[in-house]
Amino acid sequence: MFTLKTKHELQTALTRAIEELDTYSPMSDEYGKALDRIEKLHKMISQDRPKPFDSTAVLAIAANLIGIWRMTQYEKTHVITSKALGFVIKPRT
């Protein structure tokens, strides 16, 4: 199967498939095939969208990095017997 590179090309192909749908009888096999193509194009367009970042995950990562940086800065002048990585919050999936 060929791949379309841009969202504009996908949208153009979807428009053509919808226009082609009008030429077939709703009871014909070609109508069903055209509907399948339209469904596949919709899936391809929806997969093309970038997924937004989870703000809580970004905040947790930033807090962990700041905490590790602060501990390593403190360890330069003071002795800490534990390791900084032991304080890192484990991700929950």
N, C-alpha and C. Protein backbone atom coordinates (compact mmCIF):
# COMPACT_ATOMS: atom_id res chain seq x y z
N MET A 1 0.84 -1.18 0.00
CA MET A 1 0.00 0.00 0.00
C MET A 1 0.89 1.24 0.00
N PHE A 2 0.52 2.23 -0.75
CA PHE A 2 1.30 3.46 -0.81
C PHE A 2 1.03 4.31 0.42
N THR A 3 1.95 5.19 0.71
CA THR A 3 1.76 6.09 1.84
C THR A 3 1.70 7.53 1.35
N LEU A 4 0.80 8.28 1.92
CA LEU A 4 0.69 9.69 1.61
C LEU A 4 1.48 10.46 2.66
N LYS A 5 2.17 11.49 2.24
CA LYS A 5 3.14 12.13 3.12
C LYS A 5 2.57 13.26 3.96
N THR A 6 1.62 14.01 3.44
CA THR A 6 1.16 15.17 4.18
C THR A 6 -0.33 15.04 4.50
N LYS A 7 -0.73 15.81 5.50
CA LYS A 7 -2.14 15.82 5.88
C LYS A 7 -3.00 16.38 4.74
N HIS A 8 -2.44 17.32 3.99
CA HIS A 8 -3.17 17.89 2.86
C HIS A 8 -3.45 16.82 1.81
N GLU A 9 -2.48 15.96 1.53
CA GLU A 9 -2.69 14.87 0.56
C GLU A 9 -3.74 13.90 1.07
N LEU A 10 -3.72 13.62 2.37
CA LEU A 10 -4.74 12.73 2.95
C LEU A 10 -6.13 13.34 2.82
N GLN A 11 -6.23 14.64 3.10
CA GLN A 11 -7.52 15.31 3.02
C GLN A 11 -8.01 15.34 1.57
N THR A 12 -7.12 15.55 0.62
CA THR A 12 -7.49 15.54 -0.80
C THR A 12 -7.99 14.16 -1.22
N ALA A 13 -7.29 13.12 -0.77
CA ALA A 13 -7.72 11.76 -1.10
C ALA A 13 -9.08 11.45 -0.48
N LEU A 14 -9.31 11.94 0.72
CA LEU A 14 -10.61 11.73 1.38
C LEU A 14 -11.72 12.44 0.62
N THR A 15 -11.46 13.64 0.18
CA THR A 15 -12.46 14.39 -0.59
C THR A 15 -12.79 13.67 -1.89
N ARG A 16 -11.75 13.16 -2.56
CA ARG A 16 -11.99 12.41 -3.80
C ARG A 16 -12.80 11.14 -3.55
N ALA A 17 -12.51 10.46 -2.47
CA ALA A 17 -13.23 9.22 -2.15
C ALA A 17 -14.70 9.51 -1.85
N ILE A 18 -14.96 10.63 -1.17
CA ILE A 18 -16.36 10.99 -0.88
C ILE A 18 -17.09 11.37 -2.16
N GLU A 19 -16.41 12.10 -3.05
CA GLU A 19 -17.03 12.45 -4.33
C GLU A 19 -17.30 11.20 -5.16
N GLU A 20 -16.39 10.24 -5.10
CA GLU A 20 -16.55 8.99 -5.84
C GLU A 20 -17.73 8.19 -5.29
N LEU A 21 -17.99 8.33 -4.01
CA LEU A 21 -19.08 7.60 -3.36
C LEU A 21 -20.43 7.95 -3.98
N ASP A 22 -20.57 9.21 -4.41
CA ASP A 22 -21.84 9.65 -5.01
C ASP A 22 -22.13 8.98 -6.35
N THR A 23 -21.11 8.44 -7.01
CA THR A 23 -21.32 7.83 -8.33
C THR A 23 -21.84 6.40 -8.24
N TYR A 24 -21.78 5.79 -7.06
CA TYR A 24 -22.20 4.39 -6.91
C TYR A 24 -23.58 4.29 -6.27
N SER A 25 -24.22 3.18 -6.55
CA SER A 25 -25.49 2.87 -5.90
C SER A 25 -25.20 2.36 -4.49
N PRO A 26 -26.00 2.76 -3.50
CA PRO A 26 -25.75 2.31 -2.12
C PRO A 26 -25.77 0.79 -1.94
N MET A 27 -26.34 0.06 -2.87
CA MET A 27 -26.41 -1.40 -2.76
C MET A 27 -25.28 -2.11 -3.50
N SER A 28 -24.41 -1.38 -4.16
CA SER A 28 -23.36 -2.01 -4.96
C SER A 28 -22.13 -2.33 -4.10
N ASP A 29 -21.30 -3.25 -4.62
CA ASP A 29 -20.06 -3.62 -3.94
C ASP A 29 -19.06 -2.47 -3.95
N GLU A 30 -19.06 -1.69 -5.03
CA GLU A 30 -18.13 -0.57 -5.12
C GLU A 30 -18.40 0.46 -4.03
N TYR A 31 -19.66 0.62 -3.67
CA TYR A 31 -20.04 1.56 -2.61
C TYR A 31 -19.40 1.12 -1.28
N GLY A 32 -19.47 -0.17 -0.99
CA GLY A 32 -18.85 -0.70 0.23
C GLY A 32 -17.34 -0.54 0.23
N LYS A 33 -16.72 -0.79 -0.93
CA LYS A 33 -15.26 -0.60 -1.03
C LYS A 33 -14.87 0.86 -0.83
N ALA A 34 -15.68 1.76 -1.39
CA ALA A 34 -15.39 3.18 -1.23
C ALA A 34 -15.54 3.59 0.24
N LEU A 35 -16.54 3.05 0.92
CA LEU A 35 -16.71 3.34 2.35
C LEU A 35 -15.53 2.83 3.16
N ASP A 36 -15.02 1.66 2.79
CA ASP A 36 -13.83 1.13 3.47
C ASP A 36 -12.63 2.06 3.29
N ARG A 37 -12.46 2.57 2.07
CA ARG A 37 -11.36 3.50 1.81
C ARG A 37 -11.51 4.77 2.62
N ILE A 38 -12.75 5.28 2.71
CA ILE A 38 -13.01 6.50 3.48
C ILE A 38 -12.69 6.25 4.96
N GLU A 39 -13.08 5.10 5.47
CA GLU A 39 -12.79 4.76 6.87
C GLU A 39 -11.27 4.70 7.11
N LYS A 40 -10.53 4.07 6.20
CA LYS A 40 -9.07 3.98 6.34
C LYS A 40 -8.43 5.36 6.29
N LEU A 41 -8.93 6.22 5.41
CA LEU A 41 -8.37 7.57 5.32
C LEU A 41 -8.64 8.36 6.60
N HIS A 42 -9.83 8.19 7.18
CA HIS A 42 -10.13 8.85 8.45
C HIS A 42 -9.17 8.39 9.54
N LYS A 43 -8.89 7.10 9.59
CA LYS A 43 -7.95 6.57 10.58
C LYS A 43 -6.56 7.15 10.37
N MET A 44 -6.13 7.24 9.11
CA MET A 44 -4.80 7.77 8.81
C MET A 44 -4.70 9.24 9.22
N ILE A 45 -5.76 10.00 8.97
CA ILE A 45 -5.75 11.42 9.35
C ILE A 45 -5.74 11.57 10.86
N SER A 46 -6.51 10.75 11.56
CA SER A 46 -6.56 10.87 13.03
C SER A 46 -5.25 10.41 13.66
N GLN A 47 -4.53 9.47 13.06
CA GLN A 47 -3.25 9.03 13.59
C GLN A 47 -2.17 10.07 13.35
N ASP A 48 -2.37 10.96 12.41
CA ASP A 48 -1.38 11.96 12.05
C ASP A 48 -1.27 13.06 13.10
N ARG A 49 -2.30 13.20 13.95
CA ARG A 49 -2.31 14.26 14.95
C ARG A 49 -1.32 13.96 16.06
N PRO A 50 -0.55 14.96 16.46
CA PRO A 50 0.35 14.74 17.60
C PRO A 50 -0.44 14.66 18.90
N LYS A 51 0.00 13.81 19.78
CA LYS A 51 -0.69 13.65 21.06
C LYS A 51 -0.15 14.69 22.04
N PRO A 52 -1.05 15.32 22.78
CA PRO A 52 -0.60 16.35 23.72
C PRO A 52 0.15 15.74 24.90
N PHE A 53 1.03 16.53 25.49
CA PHE A 53 1.75 16.08 26.67
C PHE A 53 0.83 16.09 27.88
N ASP A 54 1.06 15.15 28.77
CA ASP A 54 0.34 15.13 30.03
C ASP A 54 1.05 16.11 30.96
N SER A 55 0.36 17.15 31.39
CA SER A 55 1.01 18.20 32.17
C SER A 55 1.51 17.69 33.52
N THR A 56 0.83 16.72 34.10
CA THR A 56 1.30 16.20 35.38
C THR A 56 2.60 15.41 35.21
N ALA A 57 2.73 14.70 34.10
CA ALA A 57 3.96 13.95 33.85
C ALA A 57 5.13 14.90 33.61
N VAL A 58 4.89 15.97 32.85
CA VAL A 58 5.94 16.95 32.60
C VAL A 58 6.35 17.63 33.90
N LEU A 59 5.38 17.95 34.74
CA LEU A 59 5.68 18.57 36.03
C LEU A 59 6.48 17.63 36.93
N ALA A 60 6.14 16.34 36.94
CA ALA A 60 6.87 15.37 37.75
C ALA A 60 8.30 15.21 37.26
N ILE A 61 8.50 15.19 35.96
CA ILE A 61 9.84 15.08 35.40
C ILE A 61 10.67 16.30 35.77
N ALA A 62 10.09 17.48 35.63
CA ALA A 62 10.81 18.71 35.97
C ALA A 62 11.16 18.75 37.45
N ALA A 63 10.23 18.35 38.30
CA ALA A 63 10.49 18.35 39.74
C ALA A 63 11.61 17.36 40.09
N ASN A 64 11.61 16.19 39.45
CA ASN A 64 12.67 15.21 39.70
C ASN A 64 14.03 15.75 39.26
N LEU A 65 14.08 16.36 38.09
CA LEU A 65 15.36 16.90 37.61
C LEU A 65 15.87 18.03 38.50
N ILE A 66 14.97 18.89 38.93
CA ILE A 66 15.38 19.97 39.83
C ILE A 66 15.86 19.40 41.17
N GLY A 67 15.16 18.41 41.68
CA GLY A 67 15.56 17.79 42.94
C GLY A 67 16.92 17.12 42.85
N ILE A 68 17.17 16.42 41.79
CA ILE A 68 18.47 15.76 41.60
C ILE A 68 19.57 16.81 41.47
N TRP A 69 19.30 17.85 40.69
CA TRP A 69 20.30 18.91 40.54
C TRP A 69 20.62 19.57 41.87
N ARG A 70 19.57 19.84 42.69
CA ARG A 70 19.80 20.46 44.00
C ARG A 70 20.63 19.56 44.91
N MET A 71 20.33 18.26 44.88
CA MET A 71 21.08 17.33 45.74
C MET A 71 22.54 17.23 45.30
N THR A 72 22.76 17.19 43.99
CA THR A 72 24.16 17.11 43.54
C THR A 72 24.92 18.39 43.87
N GLN A 73 24.25 19.52 43.83
CA GLN A 73 24.90 20.78 44.22
C GLN A 73 25.23 20.77 45.71
N TYR A 74 24.32 20.22 46.51
CA TYR A 74 24.55 20.14 47.96
C TYR A 74 25.68 19.16 48.26
N GLU A 75 25.73 18.06 47.51
CA GLU A 75 26.76 17.04 47.75
C GLU A 75 28.16 17.54 47.43
N LYS A 76 28.28 18.59 46.66
CA LYS A 76 29.61 19.14 46.36
C LYS A 76 30.28 19.68 47.62
N THR A 77 29.48 20.25 48.52
CA THR A 77 30.06 20.84 49.73
C THR A 77 29.76 20.06 51.00
N HIS A 78 28.74 19.24 51.01
CA HIS A 78 28.33 18.49 52.19
C HIS A 78 28.27 17.01 51.86
N VAL A 79 28.37 16.19 52.87
CA VAL A 79 28.34 14.75 52.67
C VAL A 79 26.92 14.24 52.89
N ILE A 80 26.42 13.50 51.91
CA ILE A 80 25.13 12.82 52.04
C ILE A 80 25.40 11.34 51.83
N THR A 81 24.93 10.52 52.76
CA THR A 81 25.24 9.10 52.67
C THR A 81 24.33 8.37 51.68
N SER A 82 23.19 8.91 51.37
CA SER A 82 22.30 8.24 50.41
C SER A 82 22.56 8.76 49.01
N LYS A 83 22.01 8.10 48.04
CA LYS A 83 22.17 8.49 46.65
C LYS A 83 20.98 9.35 46.21
N ALA A 84 21.22 10.29 45.32
CA ALA A 84 20.16 11.19 44.85
C ALA A 84 19.10 10.43 44.06
N LEU A 85 19.49 9.40 43.35
CA LEU A 85 18.52 8.67 42.53
C LEU A 85 17.52 7.89 43.38
N GLY A 86 17.82 7.66 44.63
CA GLY A 86 16.86 7.00 45.51
C GLY A 86 15.67 7.87 45.83
N PHE A 87 15.79 9.17 45.65
CA PHE A 87 14.69 10.09 45.93
C PHE A 87 13.79 10.35 44.74
N VAL A 88 14.13 9.83 43.60
CA VAL A 88 13.37 10.06 42.38
C VAL A 88 12.03 9.33 42.48
N ILE A 89 10.98 10.04 42.11
CA ILE A 89 9.64 9.45 42.12
C ILE A 89 9.55 8.47 40.96
N LYS A 90 9.08 7.27 41.23
CA LYS A 90 8.93 6.25 40.20
C LYS A 90 7.68 6.55 39.38
N PRO A 91 7.75 6.44 38.04
CA PRO A 91 6.57 6.70 37.21
C PRO A 91 5.51 5.62 37.42
N ARG A 92 4.28 6.06 37.44
CA ARG A 92 3.15 5.13 37.59
C ARG A 92 2.45 5.00 36.26
N THR A 93 2.41 3.79 35.74
CA THR A 93 1.76 3.58 34.44
C THR A 93 0.56 2.71 34.60
